[in-house]
Amino acid sequence: MLAAPRPAKEPVPREQSAPPASKPTTPSASKPAPRLRLMTPKRVTDLFDVLSLPIVILFVLNDRQIHPAHGMTWRKRFELGWRLFRITRSLQTGTTYRAHLAMASKILHFGPDHPGVVVECGCWLGGSTACLSIVCDYADRQLIVYDSFEGLPEADPRDEMGRPNTAGWFVGALETVQANVAEHGVLSRCTFRKGWVADTLPDHTEPVILAYLDVDYQESLHDCVVHLWPHLTDTGYVFIDEFHHLRYCALFWSERWWRTYFDAEPPGLLGAGTGIGLGQFWVGPNDGKFGRSRYRPYQAGTSIAYTRKDFSGFWSFYPES
């Protein structure tokens, strides 16, 4: 369960240094020439992530809406950011620590008197689950994880995000996910519900303060929003990381869709197209290639987008009427 592959989800091979110089032909040149370590785009962006880490934590978590009951001192905020950064360096994930910091700031807005759980749909290997479990531990919340643990299902032919060969992609066995969360996160905060979202989400009953949907297909996104939106609290959030696919984001702007399923105005989506500003570089648009584009080698769509239950993306200004 879980959209066509994204840059962060593609395994990146270890960068190779330049080949050694040719074998010396004279005794005086017996010492091999030093190998040149190239600053590839990946190395540059990795260095940028490390150097900008304290700045990103400062800017994202310098949020006066974080509820004082959580006792989030600056030491705890930097500790949280560092732990999320370490997880995304240790486990292959579909999102960066920056995206999880953004979700953390929203989760921490809610005080202990505000009921609700955090929901993740589509967890792959459990990297994002580990991050969210740590945030939930700081916020004293439970995390409910929905996934097939069998990879992506067969795609509906009408689904523009699906392909004939995507079935089984991004598979992570339940045991693997639980082991990764136990090692890197807080397993006691997690409840795992196995199955396709179309089958499991109709039975969801808990109020939700934040839902993170990484389900890839349009059909799966449809199922998630249909079944989870009614359980969102009045100021609850929905996050997706498929922001660079405008057709995918279009669900949150579609007046017809929201009229049909909820008789409501569309909420809109902050970050559609380029993601919310988290200090990363992505001008866009998505050019249909996976990984960093050869046209923009230092950019990657690694941000996130979100909406809230009380937002409105409805256009109502018609001067002629």
C-alpha atoms as a PDB file:
ATOM      1  CA  MET A   1       0.000   0.000   0.000  1.00  0.00           C
ATOM      2  CA  LEU A   2       1.902   2.602   0.054  1.00  0.00           C
ATOM      3  CA  ALA A   3       2.671   6.118  -5.309  1.00  0.00           C
ATOM      4  CA  ALA A   4       5.190   5.669  -7.878  1.00  0.00           C
ATOM      5  CA  PRO A   5       8.719   5.716  -6.415  1.00  0.00           C
ATOM      6  CA  ARG A   6      10.286   8.891  -5.134  1.00  0.00           C
ATOM      7  CA  PRO A   7      13.869  10.088  -4.904  1.00  0.00           C
ATOM      8  CA  ALA A   8      14.271   9.353  -1.194  1.00  0.00           C
ATOM      9  CA  LYS A   9      12.983   5.824  -1.594  1.00  0.00           C
ATOM     10  CA  GLU A  10      15.387   4.786  -4.339  1.00  0.00           C
ATOM     11  CA  PRO A  11      18.462   3.006  -2.910  1.00  0.00           C
ATOM     12  CA  VAL A  12      21.523   5.149  -3.508  1.00  0.00           C
ATOM     13  CA  PRO A  13      24.704   3.192  -4.176  1.00  0.00           C
ATOM     14  CA  ARG A  14      27.861   4.139  -2.355  1.00  0.00           C
ATOM     15  CA  GLU A  15      29.576   6.891  -4.295  1.00  0.00           C
ATOM     16  CA  GLN A  16      32.773   5.774  -5.966  1.00  0.00           C
ATOM     17  CA  SER A  17      35.877   7.850  -5.948  1.00  0.00           C
ATOM     18  CA  ALA A  18      37.696   8.544  -9.194  1.00  0.00           C
ATOM     19  CA  PRO A  19      39.749   5.614 -10.593  1.00  0.00           C
ATOM     20  CA  PRO A  20      43.401   5.558  -9.544  1.00  0.00           C
ATOM     21  CA  ALA A  21      46.008   7.016 -11.822  1.00  0.00           C
ATOM     22  CA  SER A  22      47.603   4.674 -14.346  1.00  0.00           C
ATOM     23  CA  LYS A  23      50.373   2.389 -13.113  1.00  0.00           C
ATOM     24  CA  PRO A  24      53.716   4.248 -12.905  1.00  0.00           C
ATOM     25  CA  THR A  25      56.226   3.402 -15.575  1.00  0.00           C
ATOM     26  CA  THR A  26      59.389   4.597 -13.816  1.00  0.00           C
ATOM     27  CA  PRO A  27      60.889   3.656 -10.421  1.00  0.00           C
ATOM     28  CA  SER A  28      60.739   7.291  -9.292  1.00  0.00           C
ATOM     29  CA  ALA A  29      56.966   7.223  -9.683  1.00  0.00           C
ATOM     30  CA  SER A  30      56.418   4.084  -7.604  1.00  0.00           C
ATOM     31  CA  LYS A  31      54.083   5.816  -5.131  1.00  0.00           C
ATOM     32  CA  PRO A  32      50.472   5.681  -6.394  1.00  0.00           C
ATOM     33  CA  ALA A  33      48.822   8.992  -7.120  1.00  0.00           C
ATOM     34  CA  PRO A  34      46.161  10.026  -4.534  1.00  0.00           C
ATOM     35  CA  ARG A  35      42.589   9.418  -5.597  1.00  0.00           C
ATOM     36  CA  LEU A  36      40.445  12.451  -6.198  1.00  0.00           C
ATOM     37  CA  ARG A  37      37.324  12.570  -4.005  1.00  0.00           C
ATOM     38  CA  LEU A  38      34.663  14.232  -6.060  1.00  0.00           C
ATOM     39  CA  MET A  39      32.019  16.428  -4.425  1.00  0.00           C
ATOM     40  CA  THR A  40      29.075  14.778  -6.109  1.00  0.00           C
ATOM     41  CA  PRO A  41      25.567  16.268  -5.765  1.00  0.00           C
ATOM     42  CA  LYS A  42      24.743  13.641  -3.130  1.00  0.00           C
ATOM     43  CA  ARG A  43      27.807  14.523  -1.059  1.00  0.00           C
ATOM     44  CA  VAL A  44      27.018  18.224  -1.336  1.00  0.00           C
ATOM     45  CA  THR A  45      23.407  17.764  -0.232  1.00  0.00           C
ATOM     46  CA  ASP A  46      24.465  15.411   2.597  1.00  0.00           C
ATOM     47  CA  LEU A  47      26.917  18.050   3.814  1.00  0.00           C
ATOM     48  CA  PHE A  48      24.202  20.690   3.563  1.00  0.00           C
ATOM     49  CA  ASP A  49      21.854  18.552   5.668  1.00  0.00           C
ATOM     50  CA  VAL A  50      24.458  18.090   8.399  1.00  0.00           C
ATOM     51  CA  LEU A  51      25.507  21.751   8.537  1.00  0.00           C
ATOM     52  CA  SER A  52      21.943  23.065   8.445  1.00  0.00           C
ATOM     53  CA  LEU A  53      20.582  20.637  11.071  1.00  0.00           C
ATOM     54  CA  PRO A  54      20.694  23.028  14.085  1.00  0.00           C
ATOM     55  CA  ILE A  55      19.278  25.873  11.983  1.00  0.00           C
ATOM     56  CA  VAL A  56      16.385  23.742  10.727  1.00  0.00           C
ATOM     57  CA  ILE A  57      15.562  22.592  14.274  1.00  0.00           C
ATOM     58  CA  LEU A  58      15.688  26.188  15.504  1.00  0.00           C
ATOM     59  CA  PHE A  59      13.392  27.501  12.779  1.00  0.00           C
ATOM     60  CA  VAL A  60      10.855  24.667  12.676  1.00  0.00           C
ATOM     61  CA  LEU A  61      10.503  24.068  16.420  1.00  0.00           C
ATOM     62  CA  ASN A  62      10.623  27.740  17.406  1.00  0.00           C
ATOM     63  CA  ASP A  63       6.843  27.513  17.531  1.00  0.00           C
ATOM     64  CA  ARG A  64       4.857  29.286  20.242  1.00  0.00           C
ATOM     65  CA  GLN A  65       1.866  27.044  19.571  1.00  0.00           C
ATOM     66  CA  ILE A  66       3.688  24.039  21.044  1.00  0.00           C
ATOM     67  CA  HIS A  67       1.656  23.234  24.128  1.00  0.00           C
ATOM     68  CA  PRO A  68       3.502  24.037  27.388  1.00  0.00           C
ATOM     69  CA  ALA A  69       2.244  20.805  28.990  1.00  0.00           C
ATOM     70  CA  HIS A  70       4.796  18.877  26.885  1.00  0.00           C
ATOM     71  CA  GLY A  71       7.675  20.641  28.626  1.00  0.00           C
ATOM     72  CA  MET A  72       9.556  21.087  25.365  1.00  0.00           C
ATOM     73  CA  THR A  73      12.652  22.933  26.504  1.00  0.00           C
ATOM     74  CA  TRP A  74      15.175  23.868  23.859  1.00  0.00           C
ATOM     75  CA  ARG A  75      17.324  20.979  24.976  1.00  0.00           C
ATOM     76  CA  LYS A  76      14.431  18.569  24.318  1.00  0.00           C
ATOM     77  CA  ARG A  77      13.682  20.207  20.944  1.00  0.00           C
ATOM     78  CA  PHE A  78      17.254  19.783  19.758  1.00  0.00           C
ATOM     79  CA  GLU A  79      17.316  16.251  21.151  1.00  0.00           C
ATOM     80  CA  LEU A  80      14.140  15.436  19.189  1.00  0.00           C
ATOM     81  CA  GLY A  81      15.542  16.895  15.973  1.00  0.00           C
ATOM     82  CA  TRP A  82      18.808  15.002  16.390  1.00  0.00           C
ATOM     83  CA  ARG A  83      16.993  11.697  16.977  1.00  0.00           C
ATOM     84  CA  LEU A  84      14.858  12.161  13.851  1.00  0.00           C
ATOM     85  CA  PHE A  85      17.965  13.033  11.837  1.00  0.00           C
ATOM     86  CA  ARG A  86      19.766   9.908  13.076  1.00  0.00           C
ATOM     87  CA  ILE A  87      16.841   7.656  12.148  1.00  0.00           C
ATOM     88  CA  THR A  88      16.642   8.962   8.582  1.00  0.00           C
ATOM     89  CA  ARG A  89      20.378   8.350   8.285  1.00  0.00           C
ATOM     90  CA  SER A  90      20.146   4.814   9.669  1.00  0.00           C
ATOM     91  CA  LEU A  91      17.002   3.587   7.883  1.00  0.00           C
ATOM     92  CA  GLN A  92      15.953   4.040   4.293  1.00  0.00           C
ATOM     93  CA  THR A  93      12.842   6.224   4.407  1.00  0.00           C
ATOM     94  CA  GLY A  94      10.552   8.002   1.979  1.00  0.00           C
ATOM     95  CA  THR A  95      10.812  11.278   3.907  1.00  0.00           C
ATOM     96  CA  THR A  96      13.539  13.393   5.484  1.00  0.00           C
ATOM     97  CA  TYR A  97      13.923  14.431   9.095  1.00  0.00           C
ATOM     98  CA  ARG A  98      12.728  17.908   8.040  1.00  0.00           C
ATOM     99  CA  ALA A  99       9.314  16.553   7.092  1.00  0.00           C
ATOM    100  CA  HIS A 100       9.072  14.737  10.414  1.00  0.00           C
ATOM    101  CA  LEU A 101      10.043  17.897  12.278  1.00  0.00           C
ATOM    102  CA  ALA A 102       7.152  19.676  10.544  1.00  0.00           C
ATOM    103  CA  MET A 103       4.750  16.935  11.632  1.00  0.00           C
ATOM    104  CA  ALA A 104       6.229  16.984  15.135  1.00  0.00           C
ATOM    105  CA  SER A 105       5.526  20.688  15.524  1.00  0.00           C
ATOM    106  CA  LYS A 106       1.859  20.123  14.619  1.00  0.00           C
ATOM    107  CA  ILE A 107       1.444  17.094  16.880  1.00  0.00           C
ATOM    108  CA  LEU A 108       2.920  19.078  19.786  1.00  0.00           C
ATOM    109  CA  HIS A 109       0.313  21.801  19.284  1.00  0.00           C
ATOM    110  CA  PHE A 110      -2.264  19.550  20.927  1.00  0.00           C
ATOM    111  CA  GLY A 111      -2.350  19.443  24.705  1.00  0.00           C
ATOM    112  CA  PRO A 112      -3.128  16.385  26.824  1.00  0.00           C
ATOM    113  CA  ASP A 113      -6.778  17.443  27.153  1.00  0.00           C
ATOM    114  CA  HIS A 114      -7.257  17.129  23.370  1.00  0.00           C
ATOM    115  CA  PRO A 115      -8.132  13.503  22.542  1.00  0.00           C
ATOM    116  CA  GLY A 116      -6.783  11.826  19.437  1.00  0.00           C
ATOM    117  CA  VAL A 117      -4.201   9.490  17.953  1.00  0.00           C
ATOM    118  CA  VAL A 118      -1.648   9.868  15.166  1.00  0.00           C
ATOM    119  CA  VAL A 119      -2.237   7.676  12.099  1.00  0.00           C
ATOM    120  CA  GLU A 120       0.273   6.525   9.509  1.00  0.00           C
ATOM    121  CA  CYS A 121      -0.913   4.841   6.313  1.00  0.00           C
ATOM    122  CA  GLY A 122       1.913   3.128   4.446  1.00  0.00           C
ATOM    123  CA  CYS A 123       5.075   2.555   6.484  1.00  0.00           C
ATOM    124  CA  TRP A 124       7.433   0.701   4.106  1.00  0.00           C
ATOM    125  CA  LEU A 125      10.423  -0.397   6.254  1.00  0.00           C
ATOM    126  CA  GLY A 126       9.351   1.505   9.364  1.00  0.00           C
ATOM    127  CA  GLY A 127      11.686   4.504   9.198  1.00  0.00           C
ATOM    128  CA  SER A 128       8.873   7.048   9.256  1.00  0.00           C
ATOM    129  CA  THR A 129       7.085   4.908  11.860  1.00  0.00           C
ATOM    130  CA  ALA A 130      10.130   5.084  14.129  1.00  0.00           C
ATOM    131  CA  CYS A 131      10.249   8.876  13.734  1.00  0.00           C
ATOM    132  CA  LEU A 132       6.548   9.317  14.439  1.00  0.00           C
ATOM    133  CA  SER A 133       6.715   6.943  17.412  1.00  0.00           C
ATOM    134  CA  ILE A 134       9.371   9.145  19.009  1.00  0.00           C
ATOM    135  CA  VAL A 135       7.289  12.272  18.410  1.00  0.00           C
ATOM    136  CA  CYS A 136       4.272  10.491  19.905  1.00  0.00           C
ATOM    137  CA  ASP A 137       6.375   9.591  22.947  1.00  0.00           C
ATOM    138  CA  TYR A 138       7.186  13.277  23.506  1.00  0.00           C
ATOM    139  CA  ALA A 139       3.502  14.159  23.025  1.00  0.00           C
ATOM    140  CA  ASP A 140       2.142  11.174  25.005  1.00  0.00           C
ATOM    141  CA  ARG A 141       0.087   9.918  22.026  1.00  0.00           C
ATOM    142  CA  GLN A 142      -0.508   6.577  20.384  1.00  0.00           C
ATOM    143  CA  LEU A 143       0.475   5.854  16.779  1.00  0.00           C
ATOM    144  CA  ILE A 144      -1.753   3.601  14.677  1.00  0.00           C
ATOM    145  CA  VAL A 145      -0.012   2.166  11.613  1.00  0.00           C
ATOM    146  CA  TYR A 146      -1.998   0.847   8.644  1.00  0.00           C
ATOM    147  CA  ASP A 147      -0.132  -1.129   6.005  1.00  0.00           C
ATOM    148  CA  SER A 148      -0.551  -4.276   3.939  1.00  0.00           C
ATOM    149  CA  PHE A 149       3.047  -5.298   4.769  1.00  0.00           C
ATOM    150  CA  GLU A 150       2.948  -6.865   1.296  1.00  0.00           C
ATOM    151  CA  GLY A 151       3.986  -3.834  -0.754  1.00  0.00           C
ATOM    152  CA  LEU A 152       1.800  -1.988  -3.227  1.00  0.00           C
ATOM    153  CA  PRO A 153      -1.364  -3.688  -4.513  1.00  0.00           C
ATOM    154  CA  GLU A 154      -2.269  -4.117  -8.154  1.00  0.00           C
ATOM    155  CA  ALA A 155      -3.015  -0.690  -9.619  1.00  0.00           C
ATOM    156  CA  ASP A 156      -6.427   0.296 -10.908  1.00  0.00           C
ATOM    157  CA  PRO A 157      -5.999   0.952 -14.680  1.00  0.00           C
ATOM    158  CA  ARG A 158      -7.623   4.355 -14.169  1.00  0.00           C
ATOM    159  CA  ASP A 159      -5.060   5.341 -11.541  1.00  0.00           C
ATOM    160  CA  GLU A 160      -2.469   7.689 -13.050  1.00  0.00           C
ATOM    161  CA  MET A 161      -0.044   6.987 -10.206  1.00  0.00           C
ATOM    162  CA  GLY A 162      -0.115   3.241 -10.783  1.00  0.00           C
ATOM    163  CA  ARG A 163       1.736   1.124 -13.333  1.00  0.00           C
ATOM    164  CA  PRO A 164       1.431  -2.479 -14.425  1.00  0.00           C
ATOM    165  CA  ASN A 165       4.674  -3.429 -12.668  1.00  0.00           C
ATOM    166  CA  THR A 166       4.257  -1.578  -9.347  1.00  0.00           C
ATOM    167  CA  ALA A 167       2.508  -4.382  -7.438  1.00  0.00           C
ATOM    168  CA  GLY A 168       4.726  -5.482  -4.561  1.00  0.00           C
ATOM    169  CA  TRP A 169       6.900  -2.353  -4.545  1.00  0.00           C
ATOM    170  CA  PHE A 170       8.006  -0.921  -1.176  1.00  0.00           C
ATOM    171  CA  VAL A 171       7.315  -4.109   0.723  1.00  0.00           C
ATOM    172  CA  GLY A 172       8.307  -4.317   4.370  1.00  0.00           C
ATOM    173  CA  ALA A 173       7.285  -7.326   6.421  1.00  0.00           C
ATOM    174  CA  LEU A 174       5.543  -6.614   9.703  1.00  0.00           C
ATOM    175  CA  GLU A 175       8.355  -8.291  11.621  1.00  0.00           C
ATOM    176  CA  THR A 176      10.945  -6.119   9.844  1.00  0.00           C
ATOM    177  CA  VAL A 177       9.035  -2.924  10.588  1.00  0.00           C
ATOM    178  CA  GLN A 178       8.551  -3.852  14.236  1.00  0.00           C
ATOM    179  CA  ALA A 179      12.250  -4.710  14.615  1.00  0.00           C
ATOM    180  CA  ASN A 180      13.293  -1.386  13.070  1.00  0.00           C
ATOM    181  CA  VAL A 181      10.936   0.573  15.298  1.00  0.00           C
ATOM    182  CA  ALA A 182      12.093  -1.360  18.379  1.00  0.00           C
ATOM    183  CA  GLU A 183      15.716  -0.487  17.570  1.00  0.00           C
ATOM    184  CA  HIS A 184      15.272   3.135  16.533  1.00  0.00           C
ATOM    185  CA  GLY A 185      11.918   4.320  17.900  1.00  0.00           C
ATOM    186  CA  VAL A 186       9.395   3.565  20.651  1.00  0.00           C
ATOM    187  CA  LEU A 187       7.557   0.356  19.800  1.00  0.00           C
ATOM    188  CA  SER A 188       5.199   0.623  22.789  1.00  0.00           C
ATOM    189  CA  ARG A 189       3.589   3.687  21.187  1.00  0.00           C
ATOM    190  CA  CYS A 190       2.590   1.738  18.069  1.00  0.00           C
ATOM    191  CA  THR A 191      -0.429  -0.327  17.089  1.00  0.00           C
ATOM    192  CA  PHE A 192      -0.147  -2.141  13.751  1.00  0.00           C
ATOM    193  CA  ARG A 193      -3.223  -2.937  11.651  1.00  0.00           C
ATOM    194  CA  LYS A 194      -2.407  -5.198   8.725  1.00  0.00           C
ATOM    195  CA  GLY A 195      -4.356  -5.132   5.461  1.00  0.00           C
ATOM    196  CA  TRP A 196      -5.243  -3.014   2.457  1.00  0.00           C
ATOM    197  CA  VAL A 197      -6.532   0.435   3.454  1.00  0.00           C
ATOM    198  CA  ALA A 198      -9.800  -0.148   1.584  1.00  0.00           C
ATOM    199  CA  ASP A 199     -10.465  -3.057   3.961  1.00  0.00           C
ATOM    200  CA  THR A 200      -9.041  -1.798   7.262  1.00  0.00           C
ATOM    201  CA  LEU A 201      -9.807   1.943   7.397  1.00  0.00           C
ATOM    202  CA  PRO A 202     -13.617   1.586   7.363  1.00  0.00           C
ATOM    203  CA  ASP A 203     -13.249   0.082  10.855  1.00  0.00           C
ATOM    204  CA  HIS A 204     -11.242   2.999  12.250  1.00  0.00           C
ATOM    205  CA  THR A 205     -12.989   4.636  15.235  1.00  0.00           C
ATOM    206  CA  GLU A 206     -10.418   6.724  17.150  1.00  0.00           C
ATOM    207  CA  PRO A 207     -10.322  10.533  16.817  1.00  0.00           C
ATOM    208  CA  VAL A 208      -7.254  11.636  14.826  1.00  0.00           C
ATOM    209  CA  ILE A 209      -5.113  14.725  15.372  1.00  0.00           C
ATOM    210  CA  LEU A 210      -2.722  14.005  12.484  1.00  0.00           C
ATOM    211  CA  ALA A 211      -2.703  11.510   9.628  1.00  0.00           C
ATOM    212  CA  TYR A 212       0.389  10.899   7.508  1.00  0.00           C
ATOM    213  CA  LEU A 213      -0.587   9.289   4.205  1.00  0.00           C
ATOM    214  CA  ASP A 214       2.182   7.679   2.157  1.00  0.00           C
ATOM    215  CA  VAL A 215       0.042   5.373   0.046  1.00  0.00           C
ATOM    216  CA  ASP A 216       1.205   6.362  -3.426  1.00  0.00           C
ATOM    217  CA  TYR A 217      -1.839   5.462  -5.524  1.00  0.00           C
ATOM    218  CA  GLN A 218      -4.711   7.861  -6.207  1.00  0.00           C
ATOM    219  CA  GLU A 219      -7.111   5.070  -5.312  1.00  0.00           C
ATOM    220  CA  SER A 220      -5.444   4.521  -1.938  1.00  0.00           C
ATOM    221  CA  LEU A 221      -5.363   8.248  -1.180  1.00  0.00           C
ATOM    222  CA  HIS A 222      -9.075   8.375  -1.988  1.00  0.00           C
ATOM    223  CA  ASP A 223      -9.760   5.530   0.470  1.00  0.00           C
ATOM    224  CA  CYS A 224      -7.646   7.136   3.210  1.00  0.00           C
ATOM    225  CA  VAL A 225      -9.298  10.544   3.017  1.00  0.00           C
ATOM    226  CA  VAL A 226     -12.822   9.125   2.701  1.00  0.00           C
ATOM    227  CA  HIS A 227     -12.433   7.008   5.827  1.00  0.00           C
ATOM    228  CA  LEU A 228     -10.142   9.167   8.003  1.00  0.00           C
ATOM    229  CA  TRP A 229     -11.392  12.699   7.322  1.00  0.00           C
ATOM    230  CA  PRO A 230     -14.572  12.199   9.384  1.00  0.00           C
ATOM    231  CA  HIS A 231     -12.400  11.173  12.370  1.00  0.00           C
ATOM    232  CA  LEU A 232     -10.100  14.208  12.190  1.00  0.00           C
ATOM    233  CA  THR A 233     -10.587  16.566  15.104  1.00  0.00           C
ATOM    234  CA  ASP A 234     -11.683  20.111  14.213  1.00  0.00           C
ATOM    235  CA  THR A 235      -8.088  21.275  13.765  1.00  0.00           C
ATOM    236  CA  GLY A 236      -6.610  17.898  12.784  1.00  0.00           C
ATOM    237  CA  TYR A 237      -3.974  17.626  10.041  1.00  0.00           C
ATOM    238  CA  VAL A 238      -3.442  15.466   6.967  1.00  0.00           C
ATOM    239  CA  PHE A 239       0.126  15.249   5.589  1.00  0.00           C
ATOM    240  CA  ILE A 240       1.254  13.709   2.291  1.00  0.00           C
ATOM    241  CA  ASP A 241       4.680  13.501   0.686  1.00  0.00           C
ATOM    242  CA  GLU A 242       3.478  13.235  -2.921  1.00  0.00           C
ATOM    243  CA  PHE A 243       3.376  17.019  -3.172  1.00  0.00           C
ATOM    244  CA  HIS A 244       5.340  17.183  -6.438  1.00  0.00           C
ATOM    245  CA  HIS A 245       2.612  15.283  -8.331  1.00  0.00           C
ATOM    246  CA  LEU A 246       0.030  17.974  -9.009  1.00  0.00           C
ATOM    247  CA  ARG A 247      -2.616  15.496 -10.151  1.00  0.00           C
ATOM    248  CA  TYR A 248      -2.236  13.713  -6.824  1.00  0.00           C
ATOM    249  CA  CYS A 249      -2.568  16.983  -4.905  1.00  0.00           C
ATOM    250  CA  ALA A 250      -5.634  17.889  -6.964  1.00  0.00           C
ATOM    251  CA  LEU A 251      -7.882  15.807  -4.695  1.00  0.00           C
ATOM    252  CA  PHE A 252      -7.564  18.495  -2.020  1.00  0.00           C
ATOM    253  CA  TRP A 253      -8.700  21.197  -4.459  1.00  0.00           C
ATOM    254  CA  SER A 254     -11.439  19.288  -6.257  1.00  0.00           C
ATOM    255  CA  GLU A 255     -14.811  20.917  -5.581  1.00  0.00           C
ATOM    256  CA  ARG A 256     -16.596  17.988  -7.214  1.00  0.00           C
ATOM    257  CA  TRP A 257     -14.841  15.389  -5.038  1.00  0.00           C
ATOM    258  CA  TRP A 258     -15.511  17.183  -1.749  1.00  0.00           C
ATOM    259  CA  ARG A 259     -19.098  17.906  -2.734  1.00  0.00           C
ATOM    260  CA  THR A 260     -19.654  14.254  -3.645  1.00  0.00           C
ATOM    261  CA  TYR A 261     -18.175  12.631  -0.529  1.00  0.00           C
ATOM    262  CA  PHE A 262     -18.590  15.245   2.210  1.00  0.00           C
ATOM    263  CA  ASP A 263     -20.903  17.942   0.838  1.00  0.00           C
ATOM    264  CA  ALA A 264     -18.158  20.375   1.799  1.00  0.00           C
ATOM    265  CA  GLU A 265     -15.685  22.824   0.315  1.00  0.00           C
ATOM    266  CA  PRO A 266     -12.236  21.499  -0.601  1.00  0.00           C
ATOM    267  CA  PRO A 267      -9.644  22.275   2.096  1.00  0.00           C
ATOM    268  CA  GLY A 268      -6.753  23.015  -0.271  1.00  0.00           C
ATOM    269  CA  LEU A 269      -3.188  21.831   0.318  1.00  0.00           C
ATOM    270  CA  LEU A 270      -0.237  23.867   1.608  1.00  0.00           C
ATOM    271  CA  GLY A 271       2.891  22.918  -0.332  1.00  0.00           C
ATOM    272  CA  ALA A 272       1.226  21.534  -3.473  1.00  0.00           C
ATOM    273  CA  GLY A 273       3.842  21.433  -6.235  1.00  0.00           C
ATOM    274  CA  THR A 274       6.974  22.388  -4.304  1.00  0.00           C
ATOM    275  CA  GLY A 275       6.375  21.379  -0.675  1.00  0.00           C
ATOM    276  CA  ILE A 276       6.310  23.592   2.387  1.00  0.00           C
ATOM    277  CA  GLY A 277       9.433  25.633   3.076  1.00  0.00           C
ATOM    278  CA  LEU A 278      11.744  23.539   5.241  1.00  0.00           C
ATOM    279  CA  GLY A 279      15.090  24.904   4.117  1.00  0.00           C
ATOM    280  CA  GLN A 280      15.599  22.380   1.333  1.00  0.00           C
ATOM    281  CA  PHE A 281      15.907  23.166  -2.367  1.00  0.00           C
ATOM    282  CA  TRP A 282      13.209  22.085  -4.807  1.00  0.00           C
ATOM    283  CA  VAL A 283      12.042  24.535  -7.454  1.00  0.00           C
ATOM    284  CA  GLY A 284      10.143  21.935  -9.489  1.00  0.00           C
ATOM    285  CA  PRO A 285       8.129  21.043 -11.380  1.00  0.00           C
ATOM    286  CA  ASN A 286       8.361  17.262 -11.316  1.00  0.00           C
ATOM    287  CA  ASP A 287       9.741  16.193 -14.703  1.00  0.00           C
ATOM    288  CA  GLY A 288       8.683  12.574 -14.478  1.00  0.00           C
ATOM    289  CA  LYS A 289      12.143  11.277 -13.603  1.00  0.00           C
ATOM    290  CA  PHE A 290      12.937   9.477 -10.355  1.00  0.00           C
ATOM    291  CA  GLY A 291      15.873  10.607  -8.310  1.00  0.00           C
ATOM    292  CA  ARG A 292      17.574  13.920  -8.853  1.00  0.00           C
ATOM    293  CA  SER A 293      16.926  15.339 -12.280  1.00  0.00           C
ATOM    294  CA  ARG A 294      19.934  15.677 -14.556  1.00  0.00           C
ATOM    295  CA  TYR A 295      18.698  19.220 -15.144  1.00  0.00           C
ATOM    296  CA  ARG A 296      18.707  20.077 -11.415  1.00  0.00           C
ATOM    297  CA  PRO A 297      21.286  17.736  -9.815  1.00  0.00           C
ATOM    298  CA  TYR A 298      21.337  19.486  -6.420  1.00  0.00           C
ATOM    299  CA  GLN A 299      17.558  19.537  -5.991  1.00  0.00           C
ATOM    300  CA  ALA A 300      15.238  16.798  -4.773  1.00  0.00           C
ATOM    301  CA  GLY A 301      11.564  16.792  -3.841  1.00  0.00           C
ATOM    302  CA  THR A 302      11.992  15.849  -0.188  1.00  0.00           C
ATOM    303  CA  SER A 303       9.610  18.207   1.608  1.00  0.00           C
ATOM    304  CA  ILE A 304       5.975  17.549   2.518  1.00  0.00           C
ATOM    305  CA  ALA A 305       2.510  19.086   2.099  1.00  0.00           C
ATOM    306  CA  TYR A 306      -0.449  19.298   4.426  1.00  0.00           C
ATOM    307  CA  THR A 307      -3.968  20.487   5.005  1.00  0.00           C
ATOM    308  CA  ARG A 308      -6.172  20.924   8.069  1.00  0.00           C
ATOM    309  CA  LYS A 309      -9.791  20.078   8.833  1.00  0.00           C
ATOM    310  CA  ASP A 310     -10.801  23.751   9.099  1.00  0.00           C
ATOM    311  CA  PHE A 311      -8.926  24.987   5.995  1.00  0.00           C
ATOM    312  CA  SER A 312     -10.695  26.094   2.834  1.00  0.00           C
ATOM    313  CA  GLY A 313      -9.383  26.024  -0.727  1.00  0.00           C
ATOM    314  CA  PHE A 314     -12.683  27.171  -2.237  1.00  0.00           C
ATOM    315  CA  TRP A 315     -12.674  30.039  -4.748  1.00  0.00           C
ATOM    316  CA  SER A 316     -15.680  32.292  -4.141  1.00  0.00           C
ATOM    317  CA  PHE A 317     -14.750  35.612  -5.768  1.00  0.00           C
ATOM    318  CA  TYR A 318     -16.825  36.122  -8.918  1.00  0.00           C
ATOM    319  CA  PRO A 319     -17.080  39.863  -9.679  1.00  0.00           C
ATOM    320  CA  GLU A 320     -19.570  39.323 -12.528  1.00  0.00           C
ATOM    321  CA  SER A 321     -22.140  37.660 -10.254  1.00  0.00           C
END
